[in-house]
C-alpha atoms as a PDB file:
ATOM      1  CA  UNK A   1       0.000   0.000   0.000  1.00  0.00           C
ATOM      2  CA  UNK A   2       1.264   3.475  -0.909  1.00  0.00           C
ATOM      3  CA  UNK A   3       0.790   6.706   1.022  1.00  0.00           C
ATOM      4  CA  UNK A   4       0.582  10.173  -0.515  1.00  0.00           C
ATOM      5  CA  UNK A   5       4.245  10.779   0.388  1.00  0.00           C
ATOM      6  CA  UNK A   6       5.213   7.849  -1.927  1.00  0.00           C
ATOM      7  CA  UNK A   7       3.673   9.555  -4.972  1.00  0.00           C
ATOM      8  CA  UNK A   8       6.075  10.430  -7.788  1.00  0.00           C
ATOM      9  CA  UNK A   9       6.069  10.712 -11.573  1.00  0.00           C
ATOM     10  CA  UNK A  10       5.714   7.306 -13.256  1.00  0.00           C
ATOM     11  CA  UNK A  11       4.270   5.522 -10.189  1.00  0.00           C
ATOM     12  CA  UNK A  12       1.345   3.190 -10.900  1.00  0.00           C
ATOM     13  CA  UNK A  13      -1.470   3.169  -8.333  1.00  0.00           C
ATOM     14  CA  UNK A  14      -4.940   1.634  -8.093  1.00  0.00           C
ATOM     15  CA  UNK A  15      -7.902   3.933  -7.422  1.00  0.00           C
ATOM     16  CA  UNK A  16     -11.484   2.636  -7.315  1.00  0.00           C
ATOM     17  CA  UNK A  17     -10.361  -0.678  -8.804  1.00  0.00           C
ATOM     18  CA  UNK A  18      -8.608   0.774 -11.888  1.00  0.00           C
ATOM     19  CA  UNK A  19      -4.865   1.268 -12.517  1.00  0.00           C
ATOM     20  CA  UNK A  20      -3.541   4.810 -13.001  1.00  0.00           C
ATOM     21  CA  UNK A  21      -0.097   6.192 -13.789  1.00  0.00           C
ATOM     22  CA  UNK A  22       1.089   9.523 -12.394  1.00  0.00           C
ATOM     23  CA  UNK A  23       2.106  11.841 -15.232  1.00  0.00           C
ATOM     24  CA  UNK A  24       2.961  14.940 -13.219  1.00  0.00           C
ATOM     25  CA  UNK A  25       3.417  15.590  -9.531  1.00  0.00           C
ATOM     26  CA  UNK A  26       3.684  18.675  -7.343  1.00  0.00           C
ATOM     27  CA  UNK A  27       4.194  18.922  -3.575  1.00  0.00           C
ATOM     28  CA  UNK A  28       3.094  21.954  -1.585  1.00  0.00           C
ATOM     29  CA  UNK A  29       3.142  22.679   2.132  1.00  0.00           C
ATOM     30  CA  UNK A  30       0.916  25.580   3.105  1.00  0.00           C
ATOM     31  CA  UNK A  31       1.793  27.623   6.173  1.00  0.00           C
ATOM     32  CA  UNK A  32      -0.521  25.654   8.386  1.00  0.00           C
ATOM     33  CA  UNK A  33      -2.295  22.418   7.860  1.00  0.00           C
ATOM     34  CA  UNK A  34      -1.376  19.218   6.049  1.00  0.00           C
ATOM     35  CA  UNK A  35       0.904  18.895   3.054  1.00  0.00           C
ATOM     36  CA  UNK A  36      -0.847  18.714  -0.330  1.00  0.00           C
ATOM     37  CA  UNK A  37       0.099  16.493  -3.245  1.00  0.00           C
ATOM     38  CA  UNK A  38      -1.230  17.668  -6.612  1.00  0.00           C
ATOM     39  CA  UNK A  39      -1.095  14.940  -9.243  1.00  0.00           C
ATOM     40  CA  UNK A  40      -1.950  14.660 -12.894  1.00  0.00           C
ATOM     41  CA  UNK A  41      -2.956  11.061 -13.583  1.00  0.00           C
ATOM     42  CA  UNK A  42      -3.831   8.957 -16.626  1.00  0.00           C
ATOM     43  CA  UNK A  43      -6.038   5.892 -16.585  1.00  0.00           C
ATOM     44  CA  UNK A  44      -4.077   2.925 -17.912  1.00  0.00           C
ATOM     45  CA  UNK A  45      -7.299   1.436 -19.278  1.00  0.00           C
ATOM     46  CA  UNK A  46      -9.187   4.326 -20.892  1.00  0.00           C
ATOM     47  CA  UNK A  47      -6.341   6.838 -21.321  1.00  0.00           C
ATOM     48  CA  UNK A  48      -8.376   9.621 -19.678  1.00  0.00           C
ATOM     49  CA  UNK A  49      -6.370  12.206 -17.751  1.00  0.00           C
ATOM     50  CA  UNK A  50      -7.372  14.185 -14.690  1.00  0.00           C
ATOM     51  CA  UNK A  51      -5.860  16.310 -11.935  1.00  0.00           C
ATOM     52  CA  UNK A  52      -6.411  15.407  -8.298  1.00  0.00           C
ATOM     53  CA  UNK A  53      -5.118  16.774  -4.978  1.00  0.00           C
ATOM     54  CA  UNK A  54      -4.384  14.435  -2.079  1.00  0.00           C
ATOM     55  CA  UNK A  55      -3.508  15.015   1.574  1.00  0.00           C
ATOM     56  CA  UNK A  56      -0.553  13.394   3.332  1.00  0.00           C
ATOM     57  CA  UNK A  57      -2.690  10.752   5.088  1.00  0.00           C
ATOM     58  CA  UNK A  58      -4.360   9.418   1.878  1.00  0.00           C
ATOM     59  CA  UNK A  59      -3.515   5.824   0.937  1.00  0.00           C
ATOM     60  CA  UNK A  60      -3.416   3.972  -2.404  1.00  0.00           C
ATOM     61  CA  UNK A  61      -3.378   0.308  -3.357  1.00  0.00           C
ATOM     62  CA  UNK A  62      -0.725  -1.226  -5.591  1.00  0.00           C
ATOM     63  CA  UNK A  63      -2.290  -2.350  -8.874  1.00  0.00           C
ATOM     64  CA  UNK A  64      -2.115  -6.034  -9.839  1.00  0.00           C
ATOM     65  CA  UNK A  65       0.126  -5.582 -12.912  1.00  0.00           C
ATOM     66  CA  UNK A  66       2.178  -8.243 -14.686  1.00  0.00           C
ATOM     67  CA  UNK A  67       4.357  -8.074 -17.799  1.00  0.00           C
ATOM     68  CA  UNK A  68       4.624 -10.994 -20.194  1.00  0.00           C
ATOM     69  CA  UNK A  69       6.821 -11.416 -23.258  1.00  0.00           C
ATOM     70  CA  UNK A  70       4.629 -11.741 -26.327  1.00  0.00           C
ATOM     71  CA  UNK A  71       5.170 -11.788 -30.066  1.00  0.00           C
ATOM     72  CA  UNK A  72       3.283  -9.454 -32.407  1.00  0.00           C
ATOM     73  CA  UNK A  73       1.572 -11.562 -35.076  1.00  0.00           C
ATOM     74  CA  UNK A  74      -0.678  -9.412 -37.286  1.00  0.00           C
ATOM     75  CA  UNK A  75      -3.351  -6.731 -37.364  1.00  0.00           C
ATOM     76  CA  UNK A  76      -6.921  -7.102 -38.538  1.00  0.00           C
ATOM     77  CA  UNK A  77      -9.018  -3.937 -38.817  1.00  0.00           C
ATOM     78  CA  UNK A  78      -8.393  -2.154 -35.483  1.00  0.00           C
ATOM     79  CA  UNK A  79      -7.248  -5.268 -33.599  1.00  0.00           C
ATOM     80  CA  UNK A  80      -3.575  -6.102 -33.110  1.00  0.00           C
ATOM     81  CA  UNK A  81      -2.924  -9.771 -32.293  1.00  0.00           C
ATOM     82  CA  UNK A  82      -0.159 -11.026 -29.985  1.00  0.00           C
ATOM     83  CA  UNK A  83       0.945 -14.524 -28.908  1.00  0.00           C
ATOM     84  CA  UNK A  84       2.430 -15.488 -25.537  1.00  0.00           C
ATOM     85  CA  UNK A  85       5.865 -16.964 -26.282  1.00  0.00           C
ATOM     86  CA  UNK A  86       5.620 -19.557 -23.497  1.00  0.00           C
ATOM     87  CA  UNK A  87       1.980 -20.716 -23.526  1.00  0.00           C
ATOM     88  CA  UNK A  88       1.133 -19.828 -27.181  1.00  0.00           C
ATOM     89  CA  UNK A  89      -2.078 -18.176 -25.961  1.00  0.00           C
ATOM     90  CA  UNK A  90      -3.251 -15.367 -28.265  1.00  0.00           C
ATOM     91  CA  UNK A  91      -4.710 -12.001 -27.276  1.00  0.00           C
ATOM     92  CA  UNK A  92      -5.499  -8.770 -29.074  1.00  0.00           C
ATOM     93  CA  UNK A  93      -5.244  -5.089 -28.234  1.00  0.00           C
ATOM     94  CA  UNK A  94      -7.111  -2.260 -29.942  1.00  0.00           C
ATOM     95  CA  UNK A  95      -5.654   0.710 -31.793  1.00  0.00           C
ATOM     96  CA  UNK A  96      -6.734   2.978 -28.903  1.00  0.00           C
ATOM     97  CA  UNK A  97      -4.909   0.829 -26.331  1.00  0.00           C
ATOM     98  CA  UNK A  98      -1.686   0.839 -28.357  1.00  0.00           C
ATOM     99  CA  UNK A  99      -1.668   4.543 -29.258  1.00  0.00           C
ATOM    100  CA  UNK A 100       1.546   5.645 -30.993  1.00  0.00           C
ATOM    101  CA  UNK A 101       3.155   2.227 -30.456  1.00  0.00           C
ATOM    102  CA  UNK A 102       1.539   0.999 -33.693  1.00  0.00           C
ATOM    103  CA  UNK A 103       4.005   3.190 -35.626  1.00  0.00           C
ATOM    104  CA  UNK A 104       6.828   0.824 -34.665  1.00  0.00           C
ATOM    105  CA  UNK A 105       5.156  -2.623 -34.565  1.00  0.00           C
ATOM    106  CA  UNK A 106       6.708  -5.069 -36.988  1.00  0.00           C
ATOM    107  CA  UNK A 107       5.584  -8.668 -37.653  1.00  0.00           C
ATOM    108  CA  UNK A 108       7.145 -11.213 -35.263  1.00  0.00           C
ATOM    109  CA  UNK A 109       8.532  -8.481 -32.973  1.00  0.00           C
ATOM    110  CA  UNK A 110       8.764  -9.420 -29.292  1.00  0.00           C
ATOM    111  CA  UNK A 111       7.222  -6.895 -26.880  1.00  0.00           C
ATOM    112  CA  UNK A 112       6.298  -6.745 -23.203  1.00  0.00           C
ATOM    113  CA  UNK A 113       2.506  -6.784 -22.752  1.00  0.00           C
ATOM    114  CA  UNK A 114       1.200  -5.317 -19.492  1.00  0.00           C
ATOM    115  CA  UNK A 115      -1.710  -7.220 -17.911  1.00  0.00           C
ATOM    116  CA  UNK A 116      -4.030  -5.885 -15.208  1.00  0.00           C
ATOM    117  CA  UNK A 117      -5.734  -8.328 -12.847  1.00  0.00           C
ATOM    118  CA  UNK A 118      -3.877 -11.287 -14.343  1.00  0.00           C
ATOM    119  CA  UNK A 119      -5.810 -11.588 -17.604  1.00  0.00           C
ATOM    120  CA  UNK A 120      -6.659  -8.125 -18.967  1.00  0.00           C
ATOM    121  CA  UNK A 121      -4.086  -6.718 -21.458  1.00  0.00           C
ATOM    122  CA  UNK A 122      -3.873  -2.927 -21.204  1.00  0.00           C
ATOM    123  CA  UNK A 123      -0.564  -1.741 -22.727  1.00  0.00           C
ATOM    124  CA  UNK A 124       2.706  -2.777 -24.372  1.00  0.00           C
ATOM    125  CA  UNK A 125       6.350  -1.812 -23.945  1.00  0.00           C
ATOM    126  CA  UNK A 126       8.393  -1.752 -27.132  1.00  0.00           C
ATOM    127  CA  UNK A 127      12.147  -2.213 -27.410  1.00  0.00           C
ATOM    128  CA  UNK A 128      13.874   1.175 -27.145  1.00  0.00           C
ATOM    129  CA  UNK A 129      15.219   0.940 -30.716  1.00  0.00           C
ATOM    130  CA  UNK A 130      13.662  -0.715 -33.772  1.00  0.00           C
ATOM    131  CA  UNK A 131      15.102  -1.253 -37.244  1.00  0.00           C
ATOM    132  CA  UNK A 132      12.650  -0.448 -40.043  1.00  0.00           C
ATOM    133  CA  UNK A 133      13.013  -0.321 -43.813  1.00  0.00           C
ATOM    134  CA  UNK A 134      12.465   2.954 -45.668  1.00  0.00           C
ATOM    135  CA  UNK A 135       9.686   2.402 -48.219  1.00  0.00           C
ATOM    136  CA  UNK A 136       9.436   5.945 -49.562  1.00  0.00           C
ATOM    137  CA  UNK A 137      12.131   8.611 -49.719  1.00  0.00           C
ATOM    138  CA  UNK A 138      12.147  11.560 -52.062  1.00  0.00           C
ATOM    139  CA  UNK A 139      15.544  12.188 -53.631  1.00  0.00           C
ATOM    140  CA  UNK A 140      17.574  14.973 -52.061  1.00  0.00           C
ATOM    141  CA  UNK A 141      17.904  17.977 -54.347  1.00  0.00           C
ATOM    142  CA  UNK A 142      21.526  19.061 -54.420  1.00  0.00           C
ATOM    143  CA  UNK A 143      21.866  22.741 -53.764  1.00  0.00           C
ATOM    144  CA  UNK A 144      18.645  22.951 -51.791  1.00  0.00           C
ATOM    145  CA  UNK A 145      19.266  26.016 -49.632  1.00  0.00           C
ATOM    146  CA  UNK A 146      16.192  25.827 -47.446  1.00  0.00           C
ATOM    147  CA  UNK A 147      18.490  25.554 -44.419  1.00  0.00           C
ATOM    148  CA  UNK A 148      17.334  22.120 -43.291  1.00  0.00           C
ATOM    149  CA  UNK A 149      19.580  19.096 -43.309  1.00  0.00           C
ATOM    150  CA  UNK A 150      16.751  16.560 -43.240  1.00  0.00           C
ATOM    151  CA  UNK A 151      14.120  15.133 -45.546  1.00  0.00           C
ATOM    152  CA  UNK A 152      10.865  13.247 -44.884  1.00  0.00           C
ATOM    153  CA  UNK A 153      10.700   9.468 -45.373  1.00  0.00           C
ATOM    154  CA  UNK A 154       8.095   6.776 -44.784  1.00  0.00           C
ATOM    155  CA  UNK A 155       9.052   3.436 -43.199  1.00  0.00           C
ATOM    156  CA  UNK A 156       7.438  -0.002 -43.661  1.00  0.00           C
ATOM    157  CA  UNK A 157       4.883   0.568 -40.871  1.00  0.00           C
ATOM    158  CA  UNK A 158       3.604   3.774 -42.506  1.00  0.00           C
ATOM    159  CA  UNK A 159       5.316   6.060 -39.962  1.00  0.00           C
ATOM    160  CA  UNK A 160       6.826   9.276 -41.326  1.00  0.00           C
ATOM    161  CA  UNK A 161       9.906  10.959 -39.894  1.00  0.00           C
ATOM    162  CA  UNK A 162      12.748  13.308 -40.763  1.00  0.00           C
ATOM    163  CA  UNK A 163      16.133  11.782 -41.681  1.00  0.00           C
ATOM    164  CA  UNK A 164      19.486  13.013 -43.062  1.00  0.00           C
ATOM    165  CA  UNK A 165      19.633  13.490 -46.853  1.00  0.00           C
ATOM    166  CA  UNK A 166      21.833  10.415 -47.471  1.00  0.00           C
ATOM    167  CA  UNK A 167      19.056   7.968 -46.434  1.00  0.00           C
ATOM    168  CA  UNK A 168      17.455   6.368 -49.499  1.00  0.00           C
ATOM    169  CA  UNK A 169      14.520   4.113 -50.281  1.00  0.00           C
ATOM    170  CA  UNK A 170      15.321   0.503 -49.303  1.00  0.00           C
ATOM    171  CA  UNK A 171      17.732   1.482 -46.482  1.00  0.00           C
ATOM    172  CA  UNK A 172      17.176   0.134 -42.982  1.00  0.00           C
ATOM    173  CA  UNK A 173      17.220   2.756 -40.260  1.00  0.00           C
ATOM    174  CA  UNK A 174      17.170   2.598 -36.478  1.00  0.00           C
ATOM    175  CA  UNK A 175      14.403   4.604 -34.767  1.00  0.00           C
ATOM    176  CA  UNK A 176      14.064   5.524 -31.080  1.00  0.00           C
ATOM    177  CA  UNK A 177      10.545   4.328 -30.123  1.00  0.00           C
ATOM    178  CA  UNK A 178      10.321   6.770 -27.195  1.00  0.00           C
ATOM    179  CA  UNK A 179      10.603   9.876 -29.380  1.00  0.00           C
ATOM    180  CA  UNK A 180      10.161   8.621 -32.959  1.00  0.00           C
ATOM    181  CA  UNK A 181      13.527  10.110 -33.959  1.00  0.00           C
ATOM    182  CA  UNK A 182      16.019   8.756 -36.488  1.00  0.00           C
ATOM    183  CA  UNK A 183      19.132   7.313 -34.808  1.00  0.00           C
ATOM    184  CA  UNK A 184      21.331   5.727 -37.485  1.00  0.00           C
ATOM    185  CA  UNK A 185      21.364   3.756 -40.706  1.00  0.00           C
ATOM    186  CA  UNK A 186      21.815   0.004 -40.149  1.00  0.00           C
ATOM    187  CA  UNK A 187      23.212  -2.837 -42.192  1.00  0.00           C
ATOM    188  CA  UNK A 188      21.052  -5.822 -43.177  1.00  0.00           C
END
Protein backbone atom coordinates (compact mmCIF):
# COMPACT_ATOMS: atom_id res chain seq x y z
CA UNK A 1 0.00 0.00 0.00
CA UNK A 2 1.26 3.48 -0.91
CA UNK A 3 0.79 6.71 1.02
CA UNK A 4 0.58 10.17 -0.52
CA UNK A 5 4.24 10.78 0.39
CA UNK A 6 5.21 7.85 -1.93
CA UNK A 7 3.67 9.56 -4.97
CA UNK A 8 6.08 10.43 -7.79
CA UNK A 9 6.07 10.71 -11.57
CA UNK A 10 5.71 7.31 -13.26
CA UNK A 11 4.27 5.52 -10.19
CA UNK A 12 1.35 3.19 -10.90
CA UNK A 13 -1.47 3.17 -8.33
CA UNK A 14 -4.94 1.63 -8.09
CA UNK A 15 -7.90 3.93 -7.42
CA UNK A 16 -11.48 2.64 -7.31
CA UNK A 17 -10.36 -0.68 -8.80
CA UNK A 18 -8.61 0.77 -11.89
CA UNK A 19 -4.87 1.27 -12.52
CA UNK A 20 -3.54 4.81 -13.00
CA UNK A 21 -0.10 6.19 -13.79
CA UNK A 22 1.09 9.52 -12.39
CA UNK A 23 2.11 11.84 -15.23
CA UNK A 24 2.96 14.94 -13.22
CA UNK A 25 3.42 15.59 -9.53
CA UNK A 26 3.68 18.68 -7.34
CA UNK A 27 4.19 18.92 -3.58
CA UNK A 28 3.09 21.95 -1.58
CA UNK A 29 3.14 22.68 2.13
CA UNK A 30 0.92 25.58 3.11
CA UNK A 31 1.79 27.62 6.17
CA UNK A 32 -0.52 25.65 8.39
CA UNK A 33 -2.29 22.42 7.86
CA UNK A 34 -1.38 19.22 6.05
CA UNK A 35 0.90 18.90 3.05
CA UNK A 36 -0.85 18.71 -0.33
CA UNK A 37 0.10 16.49 -3.25
CA UNK A 38 -1.23 17.67 -6.61
CA UNK A 39 -1.10 14.94 -9.24
CA UNK A 40 -1.95 14.66 -12.89
CA UNK A 41 -2.96 11.06 -13.58
CA UNK A 42 -3.83 8.96 -16.63
CA UNK A 43 -6.04 5.89 -16.59
CA UNK A 44 -4.08 2.92 -17.91
CA UNK A 45 -7.30 1.44 -19.28
CA UNK A 46 -9.19 4.33 -20.89
CA UNK A 47 -6.34 6.84 -21.32
CA UNK A 48 -8.38 9.62 -19.68
CA UNK A 49 -6.37 12.21 -17.75
CA UNK A 50 -7.37 14.18 -14.69
CA UNK A 51 -5.86 16.31 -11.94
CA UNK A 52 -6.41 15.41 -8.30
CA UNK A 53 -5.12 16.77 -4.98
CA UNK A 54 -4.38 14.43 -2.08
CA UNK A 55 -3.51 15.01 1.57
CA UNK A 56 -0.55 13.39 3.33
CA UNK A 57 -2.69 10.75 5.09
CA UNK A 58 -4.36 9.42 1.88
CA UNK A 59 -3.51 5.82 0.94
CA UNK A 60 -3.42 3.97 -2.40
CA UNK A 61 -3.38 0.31 -3.36
CA UNK A 62 -0.73 -1.23 -5.59
CA UNK A 63 -2.29 -2.35 -8.87
CA UNK A 64 -2.12 -6.03 -9.84
CA UNK A 65 0.13 -5.58 -12.91
CA UNK A 66 2.18 -8.24 -14.69
CA UNK A 67 4.36 -8.07 -17.80
CA UNK A 68 4.62 -10.99 -20.19
CA UNK A 69 6.82 -11.42 -23.26
CA UNK A 70 4.63 -11.74 -26.33
CA UNK A 71 5.17 -11.79 -30.07
CA UNK A 72 3.28 -9.45 -32.41
CA UNK A 73 1.57 -11.56 -35.08
CA UNK A 74 -0.68 -9.41 -37.29
CA UNK A 75 -3.35 -6.73 -37.36
CA UNK A 76 -6.92 -7.10 -38.54
CA UNK A 77 -9.02 -3.94 -38.82
CA UNK A 78 -8.39 -2.15 -35.48
CA UNK A 79 -7.25 -5.27 -33.60
CA UNK A 80 -3.57 -6.10 -33.11
CA UNK A 81 -2.92 -9.77 -32.29
CA UNK A 82 -0.16 -11.03 -29.98
CA UNK A 83 0.95 -14.52 -28.91
CA UNK A 84 2.43 -15.49 -25.54
CA UNK A 85 5.87 -16.96 -26.28
CA UNK A 86 5.62 -19.56 -23.50
CA UNK A 87 1.98 -20.72 -23.53
CA UNK A 88 1.13 -19.83 -27.18
CA UNK A 89 -2.08 -18.18 -25.96
CA UNK A 90 -3.25 -15.37 -28.26
CA UNK A 91 -4.71 -12.00 -27.28
CA UNK A 92 -5.50 -8.77 -29.07
CA UNK A 93 -5.24 -5.09 -28.23
CA UNK A 94 -7.11 -2.26 -29.94
CA UNK A 95 -5.65 0.71 -31.79
CA UNK A 96 -6.73 2.98 -28.90
CA UNK A 97 -4.91 0.83 -26.33
CA UNK A 98 -1.69 0.84 -28.36
CA UNK A 99 -1.67 4.54 -29.26
CA UNK A 100 1.55 5.65 -30.99
CA UNK A 101 3.16 2.23 -30.46
CA UNK A 102 1.54 1.00 -33.69
CA UNK A 103 4.01 3.19 -35.63
CA UNK A 104 6.83 0.82 -34.66
CA UNK A 105 5.16 -2.62 -34.56
CA UNK A 106 6.71 -5.07 -36.99
CA UNK A 107 5.58 -8.67 -37.65
CA UNK A 108 7.14 -11.21 -35.26
CA UNK A 109 8.53 -8.48 -32.97
CA UNK A 110 8.76 -9.42 -29.29
CA UNK A 111 7.22 -6.89 -26.88
CA UNK A 112 6.30 -6.75 -23.20
CA UNK A 113 2.51 -6.78 -22.75
CA UNK A 114 1.20 -5.32 -19.49
CA UNK A 115 -1.71 -7.22 -17.91
CA UNK A 116 -4.03 -5.89 -15.21
CA UNK A 117 -5.73 -8.33 -12.85
CA UNK A 118 -3.88 -11.29 -14.34
CA UNK A 119 -5.81 -11.59 -17.60
CA UNK A 120 -6.66 -8.12 -18.97
CA UNK A 121 -4.09 -6.72 -21.46
CA UNK A 122 -3.87 -2.93 -21.20
CA UNK A 123 -0.56 -1.74 -22.73
CA UNK A 124 2.71 -2.78 -24.37
CA UNK A 125 6.35 -1.81 -23.95
CA UNK A 126 8.39 -1.75 -27.13
CA UNK A 127 12.15 -2.21 -27.41
CA UNK A 128 13.87 1.18 -27.15
CA UNK A 129 15.22 0.94 -30.72
CA UNK A 130 13.66 -0.71 -33.77
CA UNK A 131 15.10 -1.25 -37.24
CA UNK A 132 12.65 -0.45 -40.04
CA UNK A 133 13.01 -0.32 -43.81
CA UNK A 134 12.46 2.95 -45.67
CA UNK A 135 9.69 2.40 -48.22
CA UNK A 136 9.44 5.94 -49.56
CA UNK A 137 12.13 8.61 -49.72
CA UNK A 138 12.15 11.56 -52.06
CA UNK A 139 15.54 12.19 -53.63
CA UNK A 140 17.57 14.97 -52.06
CA UNK A 141 17.90 17.98 -54.35
CA UNK A 142 21.53 19.06 -54.42
CA UNK A 143 21.87 22.74 -53.76
CA UNK A 144 18.64 22.95 -51.79
CA UNK A 145 19.27 26.02 -49.63
CA UNK A 146 16.19 25.83 -47.45
CA UNK A 147 18.49 25.55 -44.42
CA UNK A 148 17.33 22.12 -43.29
CA UNK A 149 19.58 19.10 -43.31
CA UNK A 150 16.75 16.56 -43.24
CA UNK A 151 14.12 15.13 -45.55
CA UNK A 152 10.87 13.25 -44.88
CA UNK A 153 10.70 9.47 -45.37
CA UNK A 154 8.09 6.78 -44.78
CA UNK A 155 9.05 3.44 -43.20
CA UNK A 156 7.44 0.00 -43.66
CA UNK A 157 4.88 0.57 -40.87
CA UNK A 158 3.60 3.77 -42.51
CA UNK A 159 5.32 6.06 -39.96
CA UNK A 160 6.83 9.28 -41.33
CA UNK A 161 9.91 10.96 -39.89
CA UNK A 162 12.75 13.31 -40.76
CA UNK A 163 16.13 11.78 -41.68
CA UNK A 164 19.49 13.01 -43.06
CA UNK A 165 19.63 13.49 -46.85
CA UNK A 166 21.83 10.42 -47.47
CA UNK A 167 19.06 7.97 -46.43
CA UNK A 168 17.46 6.37 -49.50
CA UNK A 169 14.52 4.11 -50.28
CA UNK A 170 15.32 0.50 -49.30
CA UNK A 171 17.73 1.48 -46.48
CA UNK A 172 17.18 0.13 -42.98
CA UNK A 173 17.22 2.76 -40.26
CA UNK A 174 17.17 2.60 -36.48
CA UNK A 175 14.40 4.60 -34.77
CA UNK A 176 14.06 5.52 -31.08
CA UNK A 177 10.54 4.33 -30.12
CA UNK A 178 10.32 6.77 -27.19
CA UNK A 179 10.60 9.88 -29.38
CA UNK A 180 10.16 8.62 -32.96
CA UNK A 181 13.53 10.11 -33.96
CA UNK A 182 16.02 8.76 -36.49
CA UNK A 183 19.13 7.31 -34.81
CA UNK A 184 21.33 5.73 -37.49
CA UNK A 185 21.36 3.76 -40.71
CA UNK A 186 21.81 0.00 -40.15
CA UNK A 187 23.21 -2.84 -42.19
CA UNK A 188 21.05 -5.82 -43.18
